[in-house]
N, C-alpha and C. Protein backbone atom coordinates (compact mmCIF):
# COMPACT_ATOMS: atom_id res chain seq x y z
N MET A 1 -8.16 10.53 -12.79
CA MET A 1 -8.06 9.28 -12.07
C MET A 1 -8.74 9.42 -10.71
N LYS A 2 -9.29 8.32 -10.27
CA LYS A 2 -9.99 8.32 -9.00
C LYS A 2 -9.16 7.56 -7.96
N LEU A 3 -8.97 8.18 -6.81
CA LEU A 3 -8.22 7.60 -5.70
C LEU A 3 -9.20 7.08 -4.65
N VAL A 4 -9.05 5.81 -4.28
CA VAL A 4 -9.88 5.23 -3.23
C VAL A 4 -8.99 4.53 -2.21
N TRP A 5 -9.44 4.55 -0.98
CA TRP A 5 -8.76 3.84 0.11
C TRP A 5 -9.57 2.59 0.40
N THR A 6 -8.92 1.44 0.41
CA THR A 6 -9.61 0.21 0.75
C THR A 6 -9.95 0.22 2.24
N GLN A 7 -10.84 -0.66 2.63
CA GLN A 7 -11.19 -0.77 4.05
C GLN A 7 -9.95 -1.11 4.87
N GLN A 8 -9.11 -1.99 4.34
CA GLN A 8 -7.89 -2.36 5.05
C GLN A 8 -7.00 -1.14 5.27
N ALA A 9 -6.83 -0.31 4.23
CA ALA A 9 -6.01 0.89 4.37
C ALA A 9 -6.61 1.85 5.39
N PHE A 10 -7.91 2.01 5.33
CA PHE A 10 -8.59 2.87 6.31
C PHE A 10 -8.39 2.33 7.73
N ASP A 11 -8.51 1.02 7.89
CA ASP A 11 -8.30 0.41 9.21
C ASP A 11 -6.89 0.66 9.72
N ARG A 12 -5.89 0.57 8.83
CA ARG A 12 -4.50 0.83 9.24
C ARG A 12 -4.33 2.28 9.68
N LEU A 13 -4.98 3.21 8.97
CA LEU A 13 -4.90 4.62 9.37
C LEU A 13 -5.46 4.81 10.78
N VAL A 14 -6.58 4.17 11.05
CA VAL A 14 -7.20 4.28 12.39
C VAL A 14 -6.26 3.70 13.44
N GLU A 15 -5.67 2.55 13.16
CA GLU A 15 -4.75 1.93 14.12
C GLU A 15 -3.54 2.82 14.39
N ILE A 16 -2.98 3.39 13.34
CA ILE A 16 -1.82 4.27 13.49
C ILE A 16 -2.21 5.51 14.28
N GLU A 17 -3.34 6.10 13.94
CA GLU A 17 -3.78 7.30 14.66
C GLU A 17 -4.03 6.99 16.13
N ASP A 18 -4.66 5.87 16.42
CA ASP A 18 -4.91 5.49 17.82
C ASP A 18 -3.61 5.30 18.59
N PHE A 19 -2.65 4.62 17.98
CA PHE A 19 -1.39 4.34 18.66
C PHE A 19 -0.60 5.62 18.92
N VAL A 20 -0.41 6.43 17.88
CA VAL A 20 0.34 7.68 18.02
C VAL A 20 -0.41 8.63 18.95
N GLY A 21 -1.73 8.60 18.87
CA GLY A 21 -2.56 9.48 19.69
C GLY A 21 -2.46 9.23 21.18
N LEU A 22 -2.00 8.06 21.57
CA LEU A 22 -1.81 7.78 22.99
C LEU A 22 -0.81 8.75 23.61
N ASP A 23 0.21 9.12 22.83
CA ASP A 23 1.23 10.06 23.31
C ASP A 23 0.93 11.50 22.92
N ASP A 24 0.41 11.68 21.71
CA ASP A 24 0.22 13.05 21.21
C ASP A 24 -0.91 13.07 20.18
N PRO A 25 -2.13 13.36 20.62
CA PRO A 25 -3.27 13.36 19.71
C PRO A 25 -3.11 14.32 18.52
N HIS A 26 -2.49 15.46 18.75
CA HIS A 26 -2.32 16.42 17.65
C HIS A 26 -1.34 15.88 16.60
N ALA A 27 -0.29 15.24 17.05
CA ALA A 27 0.68 14.64 16.13
C ALA A 27 0.02 13.51 15.34
N ALA A 28 -0.86 12.77 15.98
CA ALA A 28 -1.55 11.67 15.31
C ALA A 28 -2.41 12.19 14.16
N VAL A 29 -3.15 13.24 14.40
CA VAL A 29 -4.00 13.83 13.35
C VAL A 29 -3.12 14.37 12.21
N ALA A 30 -2.03 15.04 12.56
CA ALA A 30 -1.13 15.57 11.54
C ALA A 30 -0.51 14.45 10.71
N LEU A 31 -0.18 13.35 11.34
CA LEU A 31 0.41 12.22 10.63
C LEU A 31 -0.57 11.65 9.62
N ILE A 32 -1.80 11.43 10.04
CA ILE A 32 -2.82 10.88 9.14
C ILE A 32 -3.11 11.86 8.00
N ASP A 33 -3.20 13.14 8.32
CA ASP A 33 -3.40 14.15 7.27
C ASP A 33 -2.25 14.11 6.26
N GLY A 34 -1.03 13.88 6.75
CA GLY A 34 0.13 13.78 5.86
C GLY A 34 0.01 12.60 4.91
N PHE A 35 -0.47 11.45 5.43
CA PHE A 35 -0.67 10.28 4.56
C PHE A 35 -1.68 10.60 3.47
N ILE A 36 -2.77 11.22 3.87
CA ILE A 36 -3.84 11.53 2.91
C ILE A 36 -3.34 12.53 1.86
N ASP A 37 -2.65 13.57 2.30
CA ASP A 37 -2.11 14.56 1.37
C ASP A 37 -1.11 13.92 0.41
N ARG A 38 -0.26 13.06 0.94
CA ARG A 38 0.74 12.40 0.10
C ARG A 38 0.07 11.53 -0.96
N ALA A 39 -0.95 10.80 -0.58
CA ALA A 39 -1.65 9.93 -1.52
C ALA A 39 -2.42 10.72 -2.57
N MET A 40 -2.87 11.90 -2.24
CA MET A 40 -3.62 12.73 -3.20
C MET A 40 -2.79 13.06 -4.44
N VAL A 41 -1.48 13.09 -4.31
CA VAL A 41 -0.58 13.34 -5.44
C VAL A 41 -0.81 12.31 -6.54
N LEU A 42 -1.22 11.11 -6.14
CA LEU A 42 -1.41 10.02 -7.09
C LEU A 42 -2.50 10.32 -8.12
N GLU A 43 -3.45 11.16 -7.79
CA GLU A 43 -4.51 11.48 -8.74
C GLU A 43 -3.94 12.09 -10.02
N ASN A 44 -2.88 12.86 -9.90
CA ASN A 44 -2.25 13.48 -11.07
C ASN A 44 -1.02 12.73 -11.55
N PHE A 45 -0.37 12.00 -10.66
CA PHE A 45 0.86 11.28 -10.99
C PHE A 45 0.78 9.86 -10.44
N PRO A 46 -0.06 9.01 -11.02
CA PRO A 46 -0.31 7.69 -10.44
C PRO A 46 0.90 6.76 -10.39
N ARG A 47 1.87 6.97 -11.22
CA ARG A 47 3.02 6.07 -11.24
C ARG A 47 4.25 6.69 -10.58
N ILE A 48 4.04 7.71 -9.76
CA ILE A 48 5.15 8.39 -9.11
C ILE A 48 5.86 7.49 -8.09
N GLY A 49 5.13 6.58 -7.50
CA GLY A 49 5.73 5.69 -6.50
C GLY A 49 6.55 4.59 -7.16
N ARG A 50 7.49 4.06 -6.41
CA ARG A 50 8.32 2.98 -6.95
C ARG A 50 7.57 1.66 -6.90
N GLN A 51 8.00 0.72 -7.74
CA GLN A 51 7.43 -0.61 -7.68
C GLN A 51 7.83 -1.23 -6.34
N LEU A 52 6.94 -2.01 -5.79
CA LEU A 52 7.18 -2.61 -4.48
C LEU A 52 8.33 -3.61 -4.57
N PRO A 53 9.42 -3.37 -3.82
CA PRO A 53 10.59 -4.23 -3.93
C PRO A 53 10.33 -5.71 -3.61
N GLU A 54 9.45 -5.98 -2.65
CA GLU A 54 9.21 -7.37 -2.27
C GLU A 54 8.18 -8.06 -3.17
N ALA A 55 7.68 -7.35 -4.18
CA ALA A 55 6.73 -7.95 -5.13
C ALA A 55 7.12 -7.56 -6.55
N PRO A 56 8.34 -7.92 -6.98
CA PRO A 56 8.78 -7.53 -8.33
C PRO A 56 7.87 -8.14 -9.40
N GLY A 57 7.63 -7.36 -10.42
CA GLY A 57 6.78 -7.82 -11.51
C GLY A 57 5.30 -7.66 -11.25
N SER A 58 4.93 -7.23 -10.05
CA SER A 58 3.51 -7.02 -9.74
C SER A 58 3.12 -5.60 -10.12
N ASP A 59 1.85 -5.30 -9.97
CA ASP A 59 1.37 -3.95 -10.23
C ASP A 59 1.34 -3.11 -8.96
N LEU A 60 1.98 -3.58 -7.90
CA LEU A 60 1.99 -2.86 -6.63
C LEU A 60 3.09 -1.81 -6.61
N ARG A 61 2.73 -0.65 -6.08
CA ARG A 61 3.66 0.47 -5.98
C ARG A 61 3.57 1.03 -4.57
N GLU A 62 4.51 1.91 -4.23
CA GLU A 62 4.47 2.52 -2.91
C GLU A 62 4.99 3.94 -2.92
N LEU A 63 4.45 4.71 -2.00
CA LEU A 63 4.97 6.03 -1.68
C LEU A 63 5.52 5.94 -0.26
N ILE A 64 6.56 6.69 -0.01
CA ILE A 64 7.12 6.76 1.33
C ILE A 64 6.69 8.09 1.94
N GLU A 65 6.18 8.02 3.15
CA GLU A 65 5.80 9.23 3.90
C GLU A 65 6.39 9.09 5.29
N GLY A 66 7.44 9.85 5.54
CA GLY A 66 8.13 9.71 6.82
C GLY A 66 8.70 8.30 6.93
N LYS A 67 8.36 7.61 8.01
CA LYS A 67 8.85 6.24 8.18
C LYS A 67 7.81 5.20 7.78
N TYR A 68 6.81 5.63 7.03
CA TYR A 68 5.71 4.74 6.63
C TYR A 68 5.71 4.49 5.13
N ARG A 69 5.11 3.37 4.76
CA ARG A 69 4.95 2.99 3.36
C ARG A 69 3.45 2.99 3.03
N ILE A 70 3.09 3.65 1.94
CA ILE A 70 1.71 3.68 1.46
C ILE A 70 1.69 2.83 0.20
N VAL A 71 1.07 1.66 0.28
CA VAL A 71 1.07 0.71 -0.84
C VAL A 71 -0.22 0.87 -1.63
N TYR A 72 -0.06 0.93 -2.95
CA TYR A 72 -1.23 1.14 -3.81
C TYR A 72 -1.08 0.37 -5.12
N ARG A 73 -2.19 0.34 -5.86
CA ARG A 73 -2.25 -0.32 -7.16
C ARG A 73 -3.02 0.59 -8.11
N VAL A 74 -2.54 0.69 -9.34
CA VAL A 74 -3.22 1.45 -10.38
C VAL A 74 -3.89 0.44 -11.31
N SER A 75 -5.18 0.62 -11.52
CA SER A 75 -5.93 -0.27 -12.41
C SER A 75 -6.87 0.58 -13.25
N GLY A 76 -6.51 0.77 -14.51
CA GLY A 76 -7.32 1.63 -15.37
C GLY A 76 -7.31 3.05 -14.85
N ASP A 77 -8.50 3.61 -14.59
CA ASP A 77 -8.62 4.97 -14.04
C ASP A 77 -8.75 4.98 -12.53
N LEU A 78 -8.47 3.85 -11.89
CA LEU A 78 -8.64 3.72 -10.44
C LEU A 78 -7.29 3.51 -9.76
N ILE A 79 -7.08 4.25 -8.68
CA ILE A 79 -5.91 4.07 -7.83
C ILE A 79 -6.43 3.60 -6.49
N GLU A 80 -6.02 2.40 -6.07
CA GLU A 80 -6.46 1.84 -4.80
C GLU A 80 -5.32 1.86 -3.81
N VAL A 81 -5.49 2.57 -2.71
CA VAL A 81 -4.53 2.49 -1.62
C VAL A 81 -4.90 1.24 -0.84
N LEU A 82 -3.96 0.29 -0.78
CA LEU A 82 -4.23 -1.01 -0.19
C LEU A 82 -3.93 -1.07 1.30
N THR A 83 -2.83 -0.42 1.72
CA THR A 83 -2.45 -0.46 3.12
C THR A 83 -1.41 0.61 3.41
N VAL A 84 -1.19 0.85 4.68
CA VAL A 84 -0.16 1.77 5.17
C VAL A 84 0.49 1.06 6.35
N PHE A 85 1.82 1.05 6.37
CA PHE A 85 2.50 0.41 7.50
C PHE A 85 3.90 0.98 7.66
N GLU A 86 4.52 0.68 8.81
CA GLU A 86 5.85 1.19 9.09
C GLU A 86 6.87 0.60 8.11
N GLY A 87 7.76 1.45 7.66
CA GLY A 87 8.70 1.09 6.62
C GLY A 87 9.77 0.09 7.00
N HIS A 88 9.92 -0.23 8.28
CA HIS A 88 10.96 -1.18 8.68
C HIS A 88 10.57 -2.63 8.41
N ARG A 89 9.32 -2.85 8.04
CA ARG A 89 8.90 -4.23 7.78
C ARG A 89 8.48 -4.41 6.32
N LEU A 90 8.35 -5.66 5.92
CA LEU A 90 7.92 -5.99 4.56
C LEU A 90 6.41 -6.18 4.52
N LEU A 91 5.86 -6.02 3.35
CA LEU A 91 4.44 -6.25 3.14
C LEU A 91 4.16 -7.74 3.29
N ARG A 92 3.17 -8.07 4.08
CA ARG A 92 2.76 -9.47 4.25
C ARG A 92 1.80 -9.85 3.13
N PRO A 93 1.89 -11.08 2.62
CA PRO A 93 1.00 -11.49 1.52
C PRO A 93 -0.49 -11.30 1.81
N GLU A 94 -0.91 -11.49 3.05
CA GLU A 94 -2.33 -11.35 3.37
C GLU A 94 -2.82 -9.89 3.32
N GLU A 95 -1.87 -8.95 3.20
CA GLU A 95 -2.25 -7.54 3.09
C GLU A 95 -2.58 -7.14 1.66
N ILE A 96 -2.34 -8.04 0.72
CA ILE A 96 -2.65 -7.77 -0.68
C ILE A 96 -3.96 -8.43 -1.01
N LYS A 97 -4.97 -7.63 -1.29
CA LYS A 97 -6.29 -8.16 -1.59
C LYS A 97 -6.71 -7.75 -2.98
C-alpha cells in the first residue's frame, strides 16, 4: 500500500510545527516526526485506526498520536492522510476533500 499526505495534511503539519516551535523547536520536530512515524504503520495495517466518530458510515478513519488526531482514508492501494488536528475538536466538513 502507498501512503500519501495531502497538501492540507502537510499544511497542518507545518502549522503545528511552527506553533510548537515558538516555545521549543526541538519538541516541534520530534512531534512532527512522531506523526509521520505513526502514519507509516498504515502501510502495513491500513485499517488499524478507528472509524471517525463524527462521520459514521464514511470511509474516514483516524489514528491518535498524543493529543492529536491523524485523519485518513483508504482507497484501493492508496492511503491518504487528509489532515492532522488537536483531538479536543471535531473534524470540520471543509477539511474533508
